[in-house]
Protein backbone atom coordinates (compact mmCIF):
# COMPACT_ATOMS: atom_id res chain seq x y z
CA UNK A 1 13.04 6.38 -13.86
CA UNK A 2 9.55 5.03 -14.49
CA UNK A 3 9.49 1.51 -13.08
CA UNK A 4 6.61 -0.75 -14.01
CA UNK A 5 4.92 -2.80 -11.30
CA UNK A 6 5.41 -6.49 -11.86
CA UNK A 7 2.73 -9.16 -11.78
CA UNK A 8 2.58 -12.90 -11.41
CA UNK A 9 4.03 -13.98 -8.05
CA UNK A 10 3.49 -16.49 -5.29
CA UNK A 11 3.51 -15.78 -1.55
CA UNK A 12 6.79 -15.90 0.33
CA UNK A 13 7.93 -19.03 2.08
CA UNK A 14 6.97 -19.03 5.80
CA UNK A 15 9.70 -17.80 8.13
CA UNK A 16 9.96 -18.08 11.92
CA UNK A 17 9.19 -14.93 13.84
CA UNK A 18 12.21 -13.48 15.65
CA UNK A 19 12.38 -14.97 19.13
CA UNK A 20 14.93 -12.44 20.42
CA UNK A 21 12.65 -9.41 20.01
CA UNK A 22 13.86 -7.54 23.14
CA UNK A 23 17.44 -7.66 21.86
CA UNK A 24 16.32 -6.64 18.38
CA UNK A 25 14.39 -3.69 19.80
CA UNK A 26 17.47 -2.57 21.71
CA UNK A 27 19.48 -2.64 18.46
CA UNK A 28 16.69 -0.73 16.69
CA UNK A 29 16.62 1.99 19.31
CA UNK A 30 20.39 2.32 19.28
CA UNK A 31 20.54 2.49 15.49
CA UNK A 32 17.86 5.19 15.19
CA UNK A 33 18.75 7.20 18.31
CA UNK A 34 19.49 10.78 17.29
CA UNK A 35 18.41 10.17 13.70
CA UNK A 36 15.42 11.51 11.79
CA UNK A 37 14.10 8.88 9.44
CA UNK A 38 11.66 8.28 6.62
CA UNK A 39 9.33 5.27 6.71
CA UNK A 40 8.70 3.25 3.55
CA UNK A 41 5.59 1.14 4.10
CA UNK A 42 4.01 -1.76 2.24
CA UNK A 43 0.92 -3.92 2.55
CA UNK A 44 2.27 -5.74 5.61
CA UNK A 45 1.65 -2.71 7.80
CA UNK A 46 -2.09 -2.89 7.06
CA UNK A 47 -2.81 -6.57 7.62
CA UNK A 48 -3.76 -5.92 11.24
CA UNK A 49 -6.38 -3.50 9.89
CA UNK A 50 -8.04 -6.35 8.02
CA UNK A 51 -6.55 -5.60 4.59
CA UNK A 52 -4.74 -8.65 3.16
CA UNK A 53 -1.36 -8.38 1.50
CA UNK A 54 0.02 -10.06 -1.59
CA UNK A 55 3.26 -11.71 -0.60
CA UNK A 56 3.43 -12.53 3.11
CA UNK A 57 3.80 -16.17 4.12
CA UNK A 58 0.45 -17.94 3.81
CA UNK A 59 -1.15 -15.36 1.50
CA UNK A 60 -3.09 -16.80 -1.45
CA UNK A 61 -1.68 -16.53 -4.96
CA UNK A 62 -3.23 -13.47 -6.63
CA UNK A 63 -3.17 -12.17 -10.20
CA UNK A 64 -4.51 -8.60 -10.26
CA UNK A 65 -5.75 -6.91 -13.40
CA UNK A 66 -3.05 -5.12 -15.36
CA UNK A 67 -3.32 -1.73 -17.02
CA UNK A 68 -3.10 -3.41 -20.43
CA UNK A 69 -6.08 -5.63 -19.63
CA UNK A 70 -8.08 -2.70 -18.23
CA UNK A 71 -7.58 -0.62 -21.37
CA UNK A 72 -8.01 -3.44 -23.86
CA UNK A 73 -11.72 -4.19 -23.49
CA UNK A 74 -14.98 -2.78 -22.07
CA UNK A 75 -15.62 -6.29 -20.72
CA UNK A 76 -12.42 -6.20 -18.66
CA UNK A 77 -13.32 -2.76 -17.34
CA UNK A 78 -16.84 -3.85 -16.41
CA UNK A 79 -15.39 -6.89 -14.63
CA UNK A 80 -12.92 -4.72 -12.73
CA UNK A 81 -15.46 -2.12 -11.68
CA UNK A 82 -18.00 -4.74 -10.59
CA UNK A 83 -15.45 -6.28 -8.26
CA UNK A 84 -14.16 -2.92 -7.08
CA UNK A 85 -17.68 -1.60 -6.47
CA UNK A 86 -18.09 -4.19 -3.73
CA UNK A 87 -14.50 -4.45 -2.53
CA UNK A 88 -13.62 -0.79 -2.04
CA UNK A 89 -16.09 -0.50 0.85
CA UNK A 90 -14.05 -3.00 2.83
CA UNK A 91 -10.96 -0.85 2.42
CA UNK A 92 -12.89 2.34 3.13
CA UNK A 93 -14.16 0.90 6.42
CA UNK A 94 -10.69 -0.18 7.57
CA UNK A 95 -9.14 1.74 10.44
CA UNK A 96 -5.48 2.42 11.28
CA UNK A 97 -3.84 -0.11 13.57
CA UNK A 98 -1.14 0.30 16.21
CA UNK A 99 1.64 0.47 13.60
CA UNK A 100 0.02 3.38 11.72
CA UNK A 101 -0.64 5.22 14.97
CA UNK A 102 2.94 4.64 16.11
CA UNK A 103 4.31 6.29 12.95
CA UNK A 104 2.11 9.31 13.65
CA UNK A 105 3.42 9.37 17.22
CA UNK A 106 6.99 9.16 15.95
CA UNK A 107 6.29 12.04 13.58
CA UNK A 108 4.82 14.13 16.40
CA UNK A 109 8.05 13.45 18.30
CA UNK A 110 10.04 14.87 15.40
CA UNK A 111 11.67 11.55 14.55
CA UNK A 112 9.74 10.55 11.41
CA UNK A 113 10.08 13.18 8.70
CA UNK A 114 7.58 11.59 6.32
CA UNK A 115 6.07 8.38 5.02
CA UNK A 116 6.47 6.90 1.54
CA UNK A 117 3.77 4.26 1.12
CA UNK A 118 3.20 1.62 -1.51
CA UNK A 119 -0.34 1.19 -0.16
CA UNK A 120 -3.51 2.70 -1.61
CA UNK A 121 -5.58 2.26 1.57
CA UNK A 122 -5.19 5.83 2.97
CA UNK A 123 -4.66 4.44 6.49
CA UNK A 124 -1.66 6.70 7.16
CA UNK A 125 -3.83 9.71 6.42
CA UNK A 126 -6.61 8.33 8.59
CA UNK A 127 -4.04 7.94 11.39
CA UNK A 128 -3.18 11.63 11.15
CA UNK A 129 0.27 11.22 9.61
CA UNK A 130 1.46 14.23 7.64
CA UNK A 131 3.68 14.36 4.54
CA UNK A 132 2.50 11.02 3.18
CA UNK A 133 3.68 10.26 -0.36
CA UNK A 134 1.40 7.70 -2.03
CA UNK A 135 3.63 5.96 -4.56
CA UNK A 136 0.77 4.02 -6.13
CA UNK A 137 -2.08 6.51 -5.62
CA UNK A 138 -5.12 5.85 -3.46
CA UNK A 139 -8.49 4.16 -3.76
CA UNK A 140 -10.46 7.29 -2.84
CA UNK A 141 -10.08 9.13 -6.16
CA UNK A 142 -11.21 8.27 -9.70
CA UNK A 143 -10.13 10.14 -12.81
CA UNK A 144 -10.74 10.19 -16.55
CA UNK A 145 -7.77 9.04 -18.59
CA UNK A 146 -8.70 11.41 -21.43
CA UNK A 147 -9.66 14.75 -19.88
CA UNK A 148 -8.34 14.27 -16.30
CA UNK A 149 -11.82 14.81 -14.79
CA UNK A 150 -11.89 13.71 -11.13
CA UNK A 151 -14.55 12.34 -8.82
CA UNK A 152 -14.36 10.90 -5.31
CA UNK A 153 -14.86 7.16 -4.96
CA UNK A 154 -17.78 7.86 -2.60
CA UNK A 155 -19.65 9.95 -5.17
CA UNK A 156 -19.02 7.43 -7.91
CA UNK A 157 -20.29 4.65 -5.66
CA UNK A 158 -23.59 6.46 -5.22
CA UNK A 159 -24.06 6.57 -8.98
CA UNK A 160 -23.06 2.94 -9.49
CA UNK A 161 -25.34 1.85 -6.68
CA UNK A 162 -28.29 3.44 -8.46
CA UNK A 163 -27.42 1.62 -11.67
CA UNK A 164 -26.64 -1.73 -10.06
CA UNK A 165 -29.02 -2.20 -7.18
CA UNK A 166 -30.05 -5.69 -8.31
CA UNK A 167 -26.44 -6.75 -8.92
CA UNK A 168 -25.44 -5.66 -5.43
CA UNK A 169 -28.35 -7.51 -3.82
CA UNK A 170 -27.54 -10.69 -5.73
CA UNK A 171 -23.87 -10.70 -4.81
CA UNK A 172 -24.27 -9.62 -1.21
CA UNK A 173 -26.80 -12.37 -0.75
CA UNK A 174 -23.92 -14.82 -1.07
CA UNK A 175 -22.47 -13.69 2.25
CA UNK A 176 -18.82 -12.86 2.95
CA UNK A 177 -16.70 -11.91 -0.07
CA UNK A 178 -12.91 -12.15 -0.22
CA UNK A 179 -11.23 -8.80 -0.87
CA UNK A 180 -7.73 -8.34 -2.28
CA UNK A 181 -5.23 -5.64 -1.17
CA UNK A 182 -6.26 -3.33 -4.04
CA UNK A 183 -9.94 -3.32 -2.96
CA UNK A 184 -10.87 -5.89 -5.61
CA UNK A 185 -13.57 -8.35 -4.50
CA UNK A 186 -13.28 -11.97 -5.63
CA UNK A 187 -16.17 -12.41 -8.09
CA UNK A 188 -16.48 -14.43 -11.28
CA UNK A 189 -19.87 -13.50 -12.74
CA UNK A 190 -20.04 -9.75 -13.38
CA UNK A 191 -21.89 -9.79 -16.70
CA UNK A 192 -24.92 -7.90 -15.36
CA UNK A 193 -22.94 -4.97 -13.91
CA UNK A 194 -23.40 -1.52 -15.50
CA UNK A 195 -20.44 0.86 -15.66
CA UNK A 196 -20.35 4.51 -16.73
CA UNK A 197 -17.85 6.52 -18.77
CA UNK A 198 -16.62 10.02 -18.07
CA UNK A 199 -19.66 12.35 -17.97
CA UNK A 200 -17.53 15.19 -19.36
CA UNK A 201 -15.89 13.64 -22.44
CA UNK A 202 -17.07 10.02 -22.57
CA UNK A 203 -13.56 8.74 -21.87
CA UNK A 204 -12.42 5.82 -19.70
CA UNK A 205 -12.44 6.42 -15.96
CA UNK A 206 -9.99 4.63 -13.71
CA UNK A 207 -9.13 4.64 -10.00
CA UNK A 208 -6.26 7.01 -9.28
CA UNK A 209 -4.04 4.00 -8.61
CA UNK A 210 -0.89 2.80 -10.35
CA UNK A 211 -1.92 -0.55 -11.79
CA UNK A 212 0.32 -3.54 -12.19
CA UNK A 213 2.12 -3.06 -15.48
CA UNK A 214 1.87 0.72 -15.10
CA UNK A 215 4.65 3.18 -14.27
CA UNK A 216 4.98 5.25 -11.12
CA UNK A 217 5.09 8.91 -12.26
CA UNK A 218 8.61 10.32 -12.43
CA UNK A 219 7.85 13.37 -10.18
CA UNK A 220 6.57 11.00 -7.47
CA UNK A 221 9.75 8.92 -7.67
CA UNK A 222 11.92 12.03 -7.51
CA UNK A 223 10.02 13.30 -4.46
CA UNK A 224 10.57 9.97 -2.69
CA UNK A 225 14.32 10.11 -3.35
CA UNK A 226 14.36 13.69 -2.05
CA UNK A 227 12.59 12.67 1.17
CA UNK A 228 15.21 9.98 1.77
CA UNK A 229 18.07 12.35 0.98
CA UNK A 230 16.73 14.85 3.54
CA UNK A 231 16.53 12.20 6.30
CA UNK A 232 19.21 10.40 8.30
CA UNK A 233 17.89 6.85 7.88
CA UNK A 234 15.26 4.72 6.14
CA UNK A 235 12.85 2.41 7.97
CA UNK A 236 11.08 -0.13 5.74
CA UNK A 237 7.89 -1.53 7.25
CA UNK A 238 5.73 -4.34 5.91
CA UNK A 239 7.22 -4.64 2.44
CA UNK A 240 9.02 -7.57 0.85
CA UNK A 241 10.55 -5.08 -1.62
CA UNK A 242 9.86 -7.61 -4.35
CA UNK A 243 9.28 -4.95 -7.01
CA UNK A 244 11.67 -2.18 -7.92
CA UNK A 245 9.01 0.36 -6.97
CA UNK A 246 10.18 0.05 -3.37
CA UNK A 247 13.52 -1.77 -3.62
CA UNK A 248 15.23 1.15 -5.37
CA UNK A 249 14.69 3.35 -2.29
CA UNK A 250 16.25 0.78 0.04
CA UNK A 251 19.22 0.49 -2.31
CA UNK A 252 19.49 4.29 -2.52
CA UNK A 253 19.61 4.65 1.25
CA UNK A 254 22.30 1.96 1.48
CA UNK A 255 24.29 3.44 -1.39
CA UNK A 256 24.29 6.90 0.23
CA UNK A 257 25.44 5.57 3.59
CA UNK A 258 22.17 5.96 5.47
CA UNK A 259 21.19 3.24 7.97
CA UNK A 260 18.59 0.88 6.52
CA UNK A 261 16.23 -0.91 8.91
CA UNK A 262 13.61 -3.42 7.79
CA UNK A 263 10.63 -4.64 9.84
CA UNK A 264 8.76 -7.29 7.89
CA UNK A 265 7.28 -10.76 8.26
CA UNK A 266 9.26 -12.87 5.84
CA UNK A 267 12.34 -12.24 3.76
CA UNK A 268 12.86 -9.17 1.59
CA UNK A 269 15.06 -8.41 -1.40
CA UNK A 270 17.10 -5.96 0.69
CA UNK A 271 17.87 -8.21 3.67
CA UNK A 272 21.48 -8.51 2.54
CA UNK A 273 22.09 -4.76 2.68
CA UNK A 274 20.01 -3.90 5.76
CA UNK A 275 21.79 -2.70 8.88
CA UNK A 276 19.04 -4.41 10.86
CA UNK A 277 16.25 -6.77 9.83
CA UNK A 278 13.48 -7.65 12.30
CA UNK A 279 11.17 -10.49 11.26
CA UNK A 280 8.17 -9.52 13.38
CA UNK A 281 4.82 -7.73 13.31
CA UNK A 282 4.87 -4.02 12.61
CA UNK A 283 2.07 -3.51 15.14
CA UNK A 284 4.41 -4.86 17.83
CA UNK A 285 7.71 -3.27 16.81
CA UNK A 286 6.65 0.28 15.92
CA UNK A 287 4.74 1.04 19.15
CA UNK A 288 7.79 -0.16 21.10
CA UNK A 289 9.96 2.22 19.09
CA UNK A 290 7.54 5.10 19.60
CA UNK A 291 7.51 4.54 23.34
CA UNK A 292 11.32 4.57 23.59
CA UNK A 293 12.92 7.71 24.96
CA UNK A 294 15.24 8.58 22.08
CA UNK A 295 16.93 11.82 21.17
CA UNK A 296 16.23 13.58 17.89
């Protein structure tokens, strides 16, 4: 039960936004009335916070670094860390949007029992949501692959800033830099960046994130299934469910007879089994759901 994240995709084909949103919202409220549900969120919930996603209509084609590449060469690792050193600040500065806040409101109402997120941006935590399961880790922690030493991304950044002051000035002098959903800045020339190894054992340090080509830990997967089993329904928000990392949970909810609702811009791999699919913005749909007077 250790599914590897896939790589090498293109954005989804553009789809029209649902024009009958009031009717769709009525169906959503009816379907979830009296039910406690888990939310499974993807990158689409964070686009209104300024963090781009990978697969929504109009997104650029991206090829992130894989775990195999990261481990294969010090040059690959230097290139990754140079880009991440600049890009992670963009993610760190991002703030929760109306969709994140609505999930917290729904949890405070006793309707959302927890959030399973494919995102590494920590925006659910920033929004005050409790019981957040980070399937793919988070950008805020860094660990050694050999001795499991940990350091916060903030503390590591201070050290890297000292070692790379000239690099940072050179790159920032170029102006705005494109940042990918995994906090990776779009840079080509990173040859003058200096990276460090683990200060405890000299091993390779890596963000506490599940890379593409890497497996989600089995205990994390089991906890996600348990959260769904303990709820009455599953609400998928902002995920195309392209990779099995998220799709398996939608299929599990359907297989066990729990209502499956999807709110996403564009098609998903679970549209055919969803009890309701709303092709609209999460920041519009979720606040409307949170404001509805439903029973628990």
